[in-house]
Every structure is written in structure tokens, then in C-alpha cells.
Protein backbone atom coordinates (compact mmCIF):
# COMPACT_ATOMS: atom_id res chain seq x y z
CA MET A 1 62.21 35.78 106.85
CA THR A 2 61.62 32.05 107.16
CA VAL A 3 63.18 29.26 109.21
CA ALA A 4 63.32 25.73 107.81
CA VAL A 5 64.14 22.49 109.59
CA ILE A 6 67.09 20.81 107.87
CA THR A 7 67.67 18.00 110.37
CA PRO A 8 64.64 17.05 112.50
CA PRO A 9 64.93 17.28 116.27
CA ALA A 10 66.16 14.39 118.34
CA PRO A 11 63.59 12.99 120.81
CA ILE A 12 63.76 14.62 124.24
CA ILE A 13 62.22 11.68 126.07
CA SER A 14 62.25 7.99 125.20
CA ALA A 15 59.41 5.51 125.13
CA VAL A 16 61.05 3.70 128.05
CA GLU A 17 61.14 6.90 130.10
CA ALA A 18 57.56 7.85 129.25
CA ARG A 19 56.34 4.34 130.03
CA SER A 20 58.01 4.44 133.44
CA GLN A 21 56.97 7.99 134.37
CA LEU A 22 53.38 7.61 133.18
CA SER A 23 52.84 3.98 134.27
CA ILE A 24 51.88 2.95 130.74
CA GLY A 25 51.29 -0.76 130.35
CA PRO A 26 52.41 -3.16 127.60
CA GLU A 27 49.10 -2.74 125.75
CA ILE A 28 50.61 0.44 124.24
CA ALA A 29 53.32 -0.59 121.77
CA ASP A 30 56.66 1.23 121.70
CA ASP A 31 56.12 2.47 118.14
CA THR A 32 52.77 3.95 119.16
CA LEU A 33 54.32 5.57 122.21
CA ASP A 34 57.18 6.98 120.11
CA ALA A 35 54.63 8.49 117.72
CA LEU A 36 52.65 10.05 120.55
CA ILE A 37 55.83 11.52 122.06
CA ALA A 38 56.71 13.02 118.67
CA ALA A 39 53.19 14.42 118.31
CA ALA A 40 53.22 15.98 121.78
CA THR A 41 56.69 17.44 121.20
CA GLU A 42 55.77 18.85 117.79
CA VAL A 43 53.14 21.10 119.36
CA LEU A 44 55.91 22.86 121.32
CA ASP A 45 59.13 22.47 119.37
CA GLY A 46 60.89 24.59 116.76
CA PRO A 47 59.37 26.60 113.90
CA GLY A 48 56.07 24.70 114.05
CA GLY A 49 55.64 24.86 117.83
CA TRP A 50 54.20 27.58 120.03
CA LEU A 51 57.01 27.63 122.61
CA GLY A 52 59.39 29.52 120.31
CA ARG A 53 62.30 27.24 121.22
CA ALA A 54 64.21 24.34 119.73
CA LEU A 55 64.00 21.42 122.14
CA GLY A 56 65.79 18.35 120.80
CA GLU A 57 69.06 18.95 118.94
CA GLN A 58 68.26 19.95 115.36
CA THR A 59 69.65 21.85 112.39
CA LEU A 60 67.77 24.94 111.23
CA GLU A 61 68.23 27.30 108.31
CA GLN A 62 67.17 30.93 108.67
CA ARG A 63 66.55 32.62 105.33
CA HIS A 64 66.05 36.26 104.45
CA SER A 65 66.76 38.82 101.76
CA GLY A 66 69.97 40.75 101.34
CA LEU A 67 68.13 43.91 102.39
CA TYR A 68 67.40 42.39 105.79
CA TRP A 69 70.96 42.47 107.04
CA VAL A 70 71.51 45.92 105.55
CA CYS A 71 68.63 47.26 107.64
CA SER A 72 69.35 45.00 110.63
CA PRO A 73 73.06 44.16 110.68
CA VAL A 74 72.68 42.57 114.13
CA PHE A 75 69.84 40.08 113.86
CA MET A 76 68.29 37.34 115.97
CA LEU A 77 68.84 33.65 115.38
CA TYR A 78 65.40 32.26 116.09
CA TYR A 79 64.45 29.20 118.14
CA PRO A 80 67.10 29.13 120.87
CA PRO A 81 69.13 27.82 122.49
CA LEU A 82 71.85 28.10 119.86
CA ILE A 83 74.46 25.34 119.83
CA GLU A 84 76.61 26.58 116.96
CA VAL A 85 76.48 28.42 113.64
CA VAL A 86 77.29 25.96 110.86
CA SER A 87 77.53 28.35 107.90
CA VAL A 88 76.47 31.74 106.57
CA LYS A 89 75.88 31.81 102.82
CA TYR A 90 74.50 34.39 100.43
CA ARG A 91 74.00 35.08 96.73
CA ASP A 92 76.07 38.00 95.55
CA PRO A 93 74.71 40.58 93.06
CA ASN A 94 75.78 38.26 90.20
CA GLY A 95 73.76 35.39 91.64
CA ILE A 96 76.81 33.40 92.72
CA GLU A 97 76.63 31.67 96.09
CA GLN A 98 79.29 32.78 98.55
CA THR A 99 80.21 31.44 101.98
CA ILE A 100 81.30 33.88 104.67
CA ASP A 101 84.41 32.99 106.63
CA PRO A 102 83.56 32.39 110.32
CA ALA A 103 86.23 34.95 111.19
CA ASP A 104 84.05 37.60 109.53
CA TYR A 105 81.03 37.26 111.82
CA ARG A 106 80.36 36.94 115.53
CA VAL A 107 77.68 35.50 117.77
CA ILE A 108 76.32 37.77 120.49
CA GLY A 109 74.51 36.47 123.55
CA GLY A 110 72.92 33.07 123.80
CA ALA A 111 72.84 32.96 127.59
CA GLY A 112 70.39 34.36 130.10
CA ALA A 113 66.69 33.77 130.59
CA THR A 114 65.78 33.52 126.92
CA GLY A 115 69.01 32.11 125.52
CA ILE A 116 68.50 34.20 122.39
CA ALA A 117 71.62 34.69 120.28
CA ARG A 118 72.25 37.32 117.64
CA LEU A 119 74.54 37.30 114.63
CA ALA A 120 76.62 40.29 113.58
CA PRO A 121 79.57 41.04 111.31
CA THR A 122 82.95 41.54 112.92
CA TYR A 123 83.48 44.90 114.60
CA GLY A 124 83.76 47.75 112.13
CA SER A 125 82.74 45.66 109.12
CA PRO A 126 79.42 45.48 107.23
CA TRP A 127 77.82 42.37 105.86
CA PRO A 128 78.73 41.78 102.21
CA ARG A 129 76.36 42.96 99.53
CA ALA A 130 73.76 40.32 98.69
CA GLN A 131 70.87 40.11 96.27
CA ALA A 132 67.70 41.79 97.46
CA SER A 133 65.64 38.75 96.47
CA GLU A 134 63.89 36.62 99.07
CA GLU A 135 66.01 33.99 100.81
CA SER A 136 69.26 35.16 99.21
CA VAL A 137 70.89 34.90 102.66
CA ARG A 138 70.90 31.54 104.47
CA VAL A 139 72.22 31.01 107.98
CA THR A 140 72.48 27.34 108.95
CA PHE A 141 72.83 26.59 112.64
CA ARG A 142 72.37 23.86 115.21
CA ALA A 143 69.92 24.59 117.98
CA GLY A 144 68.24 22.84 120.87
CA TYR A 145 69.22 21.52 124.26
CA PRO A 146 72.23 19.23 123.82
CA VAL A 147 72.60 15.74 125.17
CA VAL A 148 75.41 15.69 127.77
CA ASP A 149 76.83 12.42 129.06
CA GLY A 150 73.91 10.59 127.51
CA LYS A 151 71.29 12.75 129.25
CA SER A 152 69.00 15.41 127.81
CA THR A 153 69.51 18.93 129.15
CA VAL A 154 65.98 20.05 128.25
CA PRO A 155 64.59 21.78 131.38
CA ALA A 156 62.55 19.44 133.54
CA PRO A 157 59.28 21.44 133.21
CA ILE A 158 59.44 21.12 129.41
CA ARG A 159 60.15 17.40 129.58
CA TYR A 160 57.30 17.00 132.03
CA ALA A 161 55.01 18.99 129.72
CA VAL A 162 55.72 16.57 126.88
CA GLN A 163 54.94 13.64 129.17
CA LEU A 164 51.75 15.39 130.22
CA GLY A 165 50.89 15.85 126.56
CA VAL A 166 51.37 12.13 125.93
CA ARG A 167 49.10 11.31 128.86
CA GLU A 168 46.46 13.72 127.58
CA LEU A 169 46.60 12.13 124.13
CA LEU A 170 46.12 8.69 125.62
CA ASP A 171 43.28 9.84 127.86
CA VAL A 172 41.40 11.63 125.08
CA GLY A 173 41.65 8.62 122.81
CA ARG A 174 44.28 7.58 120.33
CA GLU A 175 41.81 7.46 117.44
CA LEU A 176 41.61 11.26 117.61
CA PHE A 177 45.22 11.44 116.44
CA LEU A 178 45.47 8.50 114.03
CA LYS A 179 45.56 9.83 110.48
CA ARG A 180 46.15 6.63 108.55
CA GLU A 181 46.66 2.99 109.33
CA ASP A 182 47.69 0.54 106.61
CA VAL A 183 48.40 -3.14 106.89
CA GLU A 184 50.34 -4.59 103.99
CA GLY A 185 52.33 -7.28 105.68
CA VAL A 186 53.75 -4.56 107.94
CA LEU A 187 51.65 -2.29 110.11
CA ASN A 188 52.21 1.36 109.24
CA ARG A 189 50.76 4.16 111.36
CA GLU A 190 50.95 7.87 110.66
CA TRP A 191 50.11 10.16 113.55
CA VAL A 192 49.27 13.84 113.43
CA VAL A 193 48.13 16.43 115.94
CA SER A 194 44.69 17.71 114.99
CA GLU A 195 43.53 21.19 115.93
CA ALA A 196 41.53 19.71 118.80
CA ALA A 197 44.55 17.73 119.99
CA GLY A 198 46.73 20.82 119.88
CA LYS A 199 44.26 22.63 122.13
CA VAL A 200 44.28 19.71 124.55
CA ILE A 201 48.06 19.78 124.86
CA GLY A 202 48.43 23.54 124.75
CA GLY A 203 45.85 24.14 127.44
CA ALA A 204 47.37 21.53 129.71
CA VAL A 205 50.89 22.89 129.62
CA GLU A 206 50.54 26.64 128.98
CA LYS A 207 50.96 27.70 132.59
CA LEU A 208 53.72 25.19 133.17
CA LEU A 209 55.78 26.49 130.24
CA SER A 210 55.03 30.22 130.36
CA PRO A 211 58.50 31.07 131.81
CA TYR A 212 60.14 29.40 128.80
CA ARG A 213 57.96 30.81 126.03
CA ILE A 214 59.50 33.23 123.55
CA TRP A 215 57.18 35.53 121.63
CA MET A 216 58.30 35.92 118.03
CA SER A 217 57.68 39.24 116.34
């Protein structure tokens, strides 16, 4: 089973907000601050992050074989919180892609401490027969904490952890995270989180975020 990011997550804090909360001066450009926010968020968010959650609104696609939903007809949709299921598609035994009518499946859960949702066929019905090959079943869904009335609903400790990550990146030294810098009339910076940087951020926020972490098995 794999989960792919179809639409990248929306930012959960803005450069303006980070600048205000962290007292960052004008010597740090907005594009640099945006990149550092993205780098700090990436350590936590979605399939690539260690928190096990989707933070900013994003579209994910969970893929598995046809045997998976035969053995586990009620299965988890990873990286909560779930916003909505967009589509459930599969390849039938003849290799033809089929789309399941939303009336033929149901979402279970999604609330509570973890916010984990599960997908199941309608009561008394099995999932249709799909090819046993890898990724023959694809569930596309929107996940993350939605923006309501123009404000992010990401829990405050998570938002604070991202801000803390940005501060740690700045304190350690921006050159640690700068992968490439080209100047060809327009300055272009590409930022990544190195292994050392990931440890800096992870160590700083682990205790803060432990109530929100979901362990994937």
C-alpha cells in the first residue's frame, strides 16, 4: 500500500504570521521565509512527515492491490483528518478502470482523538472484484485541516511547532538547508531539509506534538 500526494498541501502559516510571531526582521526576505516554512512543515506533514497527519489541505491517493480490500474490507484512510473522499477507482479483472458510485461505499469515523477514518462498502455488500496487481485500487481523497472563514484550523501546538522549526532553522544557519542557488537574471533558491536539519526540528517539537502523532503500521 502506498499513498501519493496529488495536490500539495496549502501552507498552514504565512510569512507575515511567522515574521510577526518570531520577530524576524526585514533582512530575511519573504521568499526565503516561505521556503523555510515549507521545509519545517515538510518534516511533519503528510506521507513524508513523521507526524502521520495531513496538515494543510491536500489531495492524496491511497493505492493498494485488489487483494487488500478482500482481506480487509474495512480499511484505514491514512493521514487524517479526512475532509472528503473524491473517488474510488479500480481495475477490474479485464484491466478496465471502473469508478465506484459513492452510494456503494461509506466512511466510518473521522472524529475523536486521532481523527482516523475508515472506508467500507455499503452494509451487506462486498467490494467489487479487482485485479490482484499492485495499485489496482486507488482511493483519492482530500485531507488536512480546512481553512474556515479565512483561518487555519490546524491545532495551535502544531502551528507553533512549525514556527519553532523555522526559528531553529534560522538559528542553526540557513546555509545548512540551501541546496542550490542560481542567479540568471532572477534569483532562484531551492531549499531542502537535510538529515541534520530534520533532527533539529524533530527533537525540538517531539514532546510538543506527541499527543497528535499517529503511528502507522
